[in-house]
């Protein structure tokens, strides 16, 4: 750009954004709840047990791209896995069990600071922080069923295509007339225009 910002201002903004996101997580008991639900979910419990018993030298296993941090299960993603991901390099996404998916989606979409951001914004807000299978489909279905969004958001879907024109080969081949009525009878006994 013509007037680039100094690096210290740009870096300060990035840090404050990250701190805000971290503080949102810390101000709630959601991490504790997710940890408990991860332990209760049989599929995630298997992965957690595997990670607790496997040697630490195997941490970059491509077949099991997960990591345990403070007892919480995270999925390891590379930045090239999603076109919207802005952070370069490896990223750890918190694995959300089925029982907590709706609560996280409410936080990312329905919360007053989220502002019913729509499908793409809500998906980006989640996909950069957490992971669960079929997240995109789940988010789109949730927002399609959101009563406030359906009631107040403008539909950007294209309208029906215009009617097809009739081909006319010669003058007076086709005549169109607009007729209005019946109206009250006039003095000249006319009821239609």
C-alpha atoms as a PDB file:
ATOM      1  CA  UNK A   1       0.000   0.000   0.000  1.00  0.00           C
ATOM      2  CA  UNK A   2       1.016   3.631  -0.255  1.00  0.00           C
ATOM      3  CA  UNK A   3       1.028   4.221   3.496  1.00  0.00           C
ATOM      4  CA  UNK A   4       2.126   0.986   5.188  1.00  0.00           C
ATOM      5  CA  UNK A   5       1.848   0.764   8.952  1.00  0.00           C
ATOM      6  CA  UNK A   6       5.028   0.360  10.979  1.00  0.00           C
ATOM      7  CA  UNK A   7       5.750  -3.233  11.975  1.00  0.00           C
ATOM      8  CA  UNK A   8       5.379  -2.521  15.697  1.00  0.00           C
ATOM      9  CA  UNK A   9       1.759  -1.352  15.203  1.00  0.00           C
ATOM     10  CA  UNK A  10       0.889  -4.367  13.045  1.00  0.00           C
ATOM     11  CA  UNK A  11       2.471  -6.779  15.538  1.00  0.00           C
ATOM     12  CA  UNK A  12       0.734  -5.029  18.445  1.00  0.00           C
ATOM     13  CA  UNK A  13      -2.659  -5.560  16.745  1.00  0.00           C
ATOM     14  CA  UNK A  14      -1.930  -9.259  16.151  1.00  0.00           C
ATOM     15  CA  UNK A  15      -0.930  -9.764  19.791  1.00  0.00           C
ATOM     16  CA  UNK A  16      -4.019  -7.974  21.117  1.00  0.00           C
ATOM     17  CA  UNK A  17      -6.266 -10.088  18.867  1.00  0.00           C
ATOM     18  CA  UNK A  18      -4.644 -13.290  20.127  1.00  0.00           C
ATOM     19  CA  UNK A  19      -4.876 -12.111  23.755  1.00  0.00           C
ATOM     20  CA  UNK A  20      -8.564 -11.314  23.299  1.00  0.00           C
ATOM     21  CA  UNK A  21      -9.248 -14.791  21.919  1.00  0.00           C
ATOM     22  CA  UNK A  22      -7.277 -16.416  24.744  1.00  0.00           C
ATOM     23  CA  UNK A  23      -9.044 -14.302  27.380  1.00  0.00           C
ATOM     24  CA  UNK A  24     -12.442 -15.334  26.012  1.00  0.00           C
ATOM     25  CA  UNK A  25     -11.460 -18.966  26.567  1.00  0.00           C
ATOM     26  CA  UNK A  26     -10.074 -18.279  30.054  1.00  0.00           C
ATOM     27  CA  UNK A  27     -13.076 -16.258  31.235  1.00  0.00           C
ATOM     28  CA  UNK A  28     -15.342 -19.241  30.828  1.00  0.00           C
ATOM     29  CA  UNK A  29     -15.169 -22.774  32.145  1.00  0.00           C
ATOM     30  CA  UNK A  30     -15.414 -24.054  28.607  1.00  0.00           C
ATOM     31  CA  UNK A  31     -11.927 -25.614  28.561  1.00  0.00           C
ATOM     32  CA  UNK A  32     -12.721 -27.591  31.703  1.00  0.00           C
ATOM     33  CA  UNK A  33     -16.020 -28.730  30.173  1.00  0.00           C
ATOM     34  CA  UNK A  34     -14.324 -29.708  26.901  1.00  0.00           C
ATOM     35  CA  UNK A  35     -11.675 -31.688  28.793  1.00  0.00           C
ATOM     36  CA  UNK A  36     -14.365 -33.619  30.689  1.00  0.00           C
ATOM     37  CA  UNK A  37     -16.358 -34.288  27.518  1.00  0.00           C
ATOM     38  CA  UNK A  38     -13.224 -35.403  25.648  1.00  0.00           C
ATOM     39  CA  UNK A  39     -12.676 -38.002  28.367  1.00  0.00           C
ATOM     40  CA  UNK A  40     -16.332 -39.096  28.119  1.00  0.00           C
ATOM     41  CA  UNK A  41     -16.331 -39.409  24.308  1.00  0.00           C
ATOM     42  CA  UNK A  42     -15.301 -43.012  23.445  1.00  0.00           C
ATOM     43  CA  UNK A  43     -13.681 -42.115  20.103  1.00  0.00           C
ATOM     44  CA  UNK A  44     -11.620 -39.265  21.557  1.00  0.00           C
ATOM     45  CA  UNK A  45     -10.777 -41.302  24.668  1.00  0.00           C
ATOM     46  CA  UNK A  46      -9.051 -43.880  22.432  1.00  0.00           C
ATOM     47  CA  UNK A  47      -6.861 -41.172  20.889  1.00  0.00           C
ATOM     48  CA  UNK A  48      -6.073 -39.695  24.315  1.00  0.00           C
ATOM     49  CA  UNK A  49      -5.116 -43.134  25.700  1.00  0.00           C
ATOM     50  CA  UNK A  50      -2.899 -43.752  22.669  1.00  0.00           C
ATOM     51  CA  UNK A  51      -1.137 -40.400  23.096  1.00  0.00           C
ATOM     52  CA  UNK A  52      -0.624 -40.969  26.825  1.00  0.00           C
ATOM     53  CA  UNK A  53       1.013 -44.362  26.243  1.00  0.00           C
ATOM     54  CA  UNK A  54       3.036 -43.716  23.076  1.00  0.00           C
ATOM     55  CA  UNK A  55       6.704 -42.666  23.223  1.00  0.00           C
ATOM     56  CA  UNK A  56       7.382 -38.925  22.928  1.00  0.00           C
ATOM     57  CA  UNK A  57       9.807 -39.482  20.024  1.00  0.00           C
ATOM     58  CA  UNK A  58       6.797 -40.293  17.810  1.00  0.00           C
ATOM     59  CA  UNK A  59       5.247 -36.815  18.167  1.00  0.00           C
ATOM     60  CA  UNK A  60       5.255 -36.081  14.413  1.00  0.00           C
ATOM     61  CA  UNK A  61       3.289 -39.169  13.410  1.00  0.00           C
ATOM     62  CA  UNK A  62       1.400 -38.401  10.173  1.00  0.00           C
ATOM     63  CA  UNK A  63      -1.207 -41.106  10.843  1.00  0.00           C
ATOM     64  CA  UNK A  64      -2.233 -39.583  14.165  1.00  0.00           C
ATOM     65  CA  UNK A  65      -1.911 -35.794  13.904  1.00  0.00           C
ATOM     66  CA  UNK A  66      -2.929 -35.119  17.511  1.00  0.00           C
ATOM     67  CA  UNK A  67      -1.189 -33.781  20.588  1.00  0.00           C
ATOM     68  CA  UNK A  68      -2.056 -33.571  24.286  1.00  0.00           C
ATOM     69  CA  UNK A  69      -1.511 -30.215  26.008  1.00  0.00           C
ATOM     70  CA  UNK A  70      -2.469 -29.964  29.689  1.00  0.00           C
ATOM     71  CA  UNK A  71      -4.761 -32.954  29.266  1.00  0.00           C
ATOM     72  CA  UNK A  72      -6.614 -31.396  26.303  1.00  0.00           C
ATOM     73  CA  UNK A  73      -6.612 -33.061  22.900  1.00  0.00           C
ATOM     74  CA  UNK A  74      -5.520 -30.876  19.963  1.00  0.00           C
ATOM     75  CA  UNK A  75      -5.360 -31.669  16.257  1.00  0.00           C
ATOM     76  CA  UNK A  76      -2.226 -30.590  14.404  1.00  0.00           C
ATOM     77  CA  UNK A  77      -2.990 -28.792  11.134  1.00  0.00           C
ATOM     78  CA  UNK A  78      -0.653 -27.305   8.575  1.00  0.00           C
ATOM     79  CA  UNK A  79      -1.406 -23.804   7.291  1.00  0.00           C
ATOM     80  CA  UNK A  80      -1.966 -25.110   3.763  1.00  0.00           C
ATOM     81  CA  UNK A  81      -4.885 -27.271   4.927  1.00  0.00           C
ATOM     82  CA  UNK A  82      -7.427 -24.421   4.683  1.00  0.00           C
ATOM     83  CA  UNK A  83      -7.446 -21.519   2.228  1.00  0.00           C
ATOM     84  CA  UNK A  84      -8.566 -18.947   4.831  1.00  0.00           C
ATOM     85  CA  UNK A  85      -5.981 -19.794   7.465  1.00  0.00           C
ATOM     86  CA  UNK A  86      -3.739 -16.762   7.959  1.00  0.00           C
ATOM     87  CA  UNK A  87      -1.186 -18.177  10.386  1.00  0.00           C
ATOM     88  CA  UNK A  88       1.848 -19.692   8.696  1.00  0.00           C
ATOM     89  CA  UNK A  89       3.173 -23.004   9.942  1.00  0.00           C
ATOM     90  CA  UNK A  90       1.770 -25.639  12.237  1.00  0.00           C
ATOM     91  CA  UNK A  91      -1.409 -24.874  14.164  1.00  0.00           C
ATOM     92  CA  UNK A  92      -2.971 -26.729  17.094  1.00  0.00           C
ATOM     93  CA  UNK A  93      -6.769 -26.846  16.970  1.00  0.00           C
ATOM     94  CA  UNK A  94      -8.720 -27.880  20.057  1.00  0.00           C
ATOM     95  CA  UNK A  95     -10.710 -31.055  19.327  1.00  0.00           C
ATOM     96  CA  UNK A  96     -14.337 -30.491  20.317  1.00  0.00           C
ATOM     97  CA  UNK A  97     -16.397 -33.544  21.360  1.00  0.00           C
ATOM     98  CA  UNK A  98     -19.936 -33.966  20.003  1.00  0.00           C
ATOM     99  CA  UNK A  99     -21.525 -32.921  23.291  1.00  0.00           C
ATOM    100  CA  UNK A 100     -19.833 -29.481  23.139  1.00  0.00           C
ATOM    101  CA  UNK A 101     -20.198 -28.662  19.437  1.00  0.00           C
ATOM    102  CA  UNK A 102     -23.514 -26.852  19.807  1.00  0.00           C
ATOM    103  CA  UNK A 103     -22.220 -24.789  22.742  1.00  0.00           C
ATOM    104  CA  UNK A 104     -19.142 -23.708  20.762  1.00  0.00           C
ATOM    105  CA  UNK A 105     -21.285 -22.854  17.767  1.00  0.00           C
ATOM    106  CA  UNK A 106     -23.557 -20.734  19.951  1.00  0.00           C
ATOM    107  CA  UNK A 107     -20.455 -18.926  21.235  1.00  0.00           C
ATOM    108  CA  UNK A 108     -19.150 -18.327  17.699  1.00  0.00           C
ATOM    109  CA  UNK A 109     -22.487 -17.320  16.141  1.00  0.00           C
ATOM    110  CA  UNK A 110     -25.152 -16.353  18.703  1.00  0.00           C
ATOM    111  CA  UNK A 111     -23.013 -14.582  21.314  1.00  0.00           C
ATOM    112  CA  UNK A 112     -23.537 -10.769  21.360  1.00  0.00           C
ATOM    113  CA  UNK A 113     -19.901 -10.183  20.350  1.00  0.00           C
ATOM    114  CA  UNK A 114     -20.248 -12.627  17.442  1.00  0.00           C
ATOM    115  CA  UNK A 115     -23.204 -10.760  15.977  1.00  0.00           C
ATOM    116  CA  UNK A 116     -24.713 -13.575  13.886  1.00  0.00           C
ATOM    117  CA  UNK A 117     -21.812 -13.243  11.451  1.00  0.00           C
ATOM    118  CA  UNK A 118     -23.064 -15.536   8.721  1.00  0.00           C
ATOM    119  CA  UNK A 119     -21.758 -18.859   7.456  1.00  0.00           C
ATOM    120  CA  UNK A 120     -18.281 -17.863   6.280  1.00  0.00           C
ATOM    121  CA  UNK A 121     -17.395 -15.637   9.249  1.00  0.00           C
ATOM    122  CA  UNK A 122     -18.661 -18.147  11.792  1.00  0.00           C
ATOM    123  CA  UNK A 123     -16.842 -20.992  10.061  1.00  0.00           C
ATOM    124  CA  UNK A 124     -13.609 -18.981   9.942  1.00  0.00           C
ATOM    125  CA  UNK A 125     -13.981 -18.037  13.620  1.00  0.00           C
ATOM    126  CA  UNK A 126     -14.243 -21.734  14.515  1.00  0.00           C
ATOM    127  CA  UNK A 127     -11.899 -23.307  11.973  1.00  0.00           C
ATOM    128  CA  UNK A 128      -8.964 -21.199  13.174  1.00  0.00           C
ATOM    129  CA  UNK A 129      -9.442 -22.288  16.811  1.00  0.00           C
ATOM    130  CA  UNK A 130     -11.177 -25.665  17.059  1.00  0.00           C
ATOM    131  CA  UNK A 131     -11.754 -28.881  15.115  1.00  0.00           C
ATOM    132  CA  UNK A 132     -14.474 -31.475  14.773  1.00  0.00           C
ATOM    133  CA  UNK A 133     -15.463 -33.765  11.925  1.00  0.00           C
ATOM    134  CA  UNK A 134     -17.850 -32.296   9.327  1.00  0.00           C
ATOM    135  CA  UNK A 135     -17.601 -28.850  10.912  1.00  0.00           C
ATOM    136  CA  UNK A 136     -18.453 -27.004   7.676  1.00  0.00           C
ATOM    137  CA  UNK A 137     -21.696 -28.947   7.163  1.00  0.00           C
ATOM    138  CA  UNK A 138     -22.643 -28.582  10.843  1.00  0.00           C
ATOM    139  CA  UNK A 139     -22.051 -24.803  10.786  1.00  0.00           C
ATOM    140  CA  UNK A 140     -23.998 -24.292   7.549  1.00  0.00           C
ATOM    141  CA  UNK A 141     -26.956 -26.347   8.835  1.00  0.00           C
ATOM    142  CA  UNK A 142     -26.944 -24.495  12.165  1.00  0.00           C
ATOM    143  CA  UNK A 143     -26.936 -21.053  10.546  1.00  0.00           C
ATOM    144  CA  UNK A 144     -29.537 -22.060   7.963  1.00  0.00           C
ATOM    145  CA  UNK A 145     -31.814 -22.943  10.888  1.00  0.00           C
ATOM    146  CA  UNK A 146     -31.013 -19.786  12.917  1.00  0.00           C
ATOM    147  CA  UNK A 147     -34.332 -18.000  13.318  1.00  0.00           C
ATOM    148  CA  UNK A 148     -32.836 -14.505  13.763  1.00  0.00           C
ATOM    149  CA  UNK A 149     -30.635 -14.849  10.680  1.00  0.00           C
ATOM    150  CA  UNK A 150     -33.538 -16.063   8.560  1.00  0.00           C
ATOM    151  CA  UNK A 151     -35.777 -13.287   9.829  1.00  0.00           C
ATOM    152  CA  UNK A 152     -33.455 -10.301   9.503  1.00  0.00           C
ATOM    153  CA  UNK A 153     -30.633 -11.109   7.079  1.00  0.00           C
ATOM    154  CA  UNK A 154     -31.016 -10.224   3.414  1.00  0.00           C
ATOM    155  CA  UNK A 155     -31.027 -13.199   1.071  1.00  0.00           C
ATOM    156  CA  UNK A 156     -28.270 -12.820  -1.525  1.00  0.00           C
ATOM    157  CA  UNK A 157     -29.496 -15.746  -3.581  1.00  0.00           C
ATOM    158  CA  UNK A 158     -30.143 -14.896  -7.229  1.00  0.00           C
ATOM    159  CA  UNK A 159     -33.734 -14.286  -8.178  1.00  0.00           C
ATOM    160  CA  UNK A 160     -35.542 -16.231 -10.892  1.00  0.00           C
ATOM    161  CA  UNK A 161     -34.231 -15.661 -14.385  1.00  0.00           C
ATOM    162  CA  UNK A 162     -36.216 -13.340 -16.679  1.00  0.00           C
ATOM    163  CA  UNK A 163     -38.864 -14.764 -18.966  1.00  0.00           C
ATOM    164  CA  UNK A 164     -37.779 -15.859 -22.412  1.00  0.00           C
ATOM    165  CA  UNK A 165     -38.468 -13.498 -25.300  1.00  0.00           C
ATOM    166  CA  UNK A 166     -40.590 -14.690 -28.197  1.00  0.00           C
ATOM    167  CA  UNK A 167     -38.909 -14.579 -31.582  1.00  0.00           C
ATOM    168  CA  UNK A 168     -40.816 -12.429 -34.070  1.00  0.00           C
ATOM    169  CA  UNK A 169     -40.104 -12.906 -37.784  1.00  0.00           C
ATOM    170  CA  UNK A 170     -42.216 -10.111 -39.305  1.00  0.00           C
ATOM    171  CA  UNK A 171     -44.077  -6.964 -38.201  1.00  0.00           C
ATOM    172  CA  UNK A 172     -47.459  -7.497 -36.536  1.00  0.00           C
ATOM    173  CA  UNK A 173     -46.703 -11.212 -36.098  1.00  0.00           C
ATOM    174  CA  UNK A 174     -47.454 -10.990 -32.375  1.00  0.00           C
ATOM    175  CA  UNK A 175     -49.469  -8.309 -30.614  1.00  0.00           C
ATOM    176  CA  UNK A 176     -49.439  -7.744 -26.860  1.00  0.00           C
ATOM    177  CA  UNK A 177     -52.209  -5.994 -24.966  1.00  0.00           C
ATOM    178  CA  UNK A 178     -52.573  -4.956 -21.350  1.00  0.00           C
ATOM    179  CA  UNK A 179     -56.182  -5.022 -20.223  1.00  0.00           C
ATOM    180  CA  UNK A 180     -57.351  -3.684 -16.877  1.00  0.00           C
ATOM    181  CA  UNK A 181     -60.778  -4.069 -15.364  1.00  0.00           C
ATOM    182  CA  UNK A 182     -63.619  -4.571 -14.891  1.00  0.00           C
ATOM    183  CA  UNK A 183     -64.210  -1.047 -13.611  1.00  0.00           C
ATOM    184  CA  UNK A 184     -67.535   0.678 -12.904  1.00  0.00           C
ATOM    185  CA  UNK A 185     -69.371   1.326 -16.147  1.00  0.00           C
ATOM    186  CA  UNK A 186     -68.672   4.748 -17.674  1.00  0.00           C
ATOM    187  CA  UNK A 187     -71.170   7.044 -19.407  1.00  0.00           C
ATOM    188  CA  UNK A 188     -70.149   5.447 -22.716  1.00  0.00           C
ATOM    189  CA  UNK A 189     -70.814   1.934 -21.307  1.00  0.00           C
ATOM    190  CA  UNK A 190     -67.068   0.987 -21.080  1.00  0.00           C
ATOM    191  CA  UNK A 191     -65.783  -1.245 -18.247  1.00  0.00           C
ATOM    192  CA  UNK A 192     -62.237  -2.196 -19.350  1.00  0.00           C
ATOM    193  CA  UNK A 193     -59.093  -0.220 -20.180  1.00  0.00           C
END
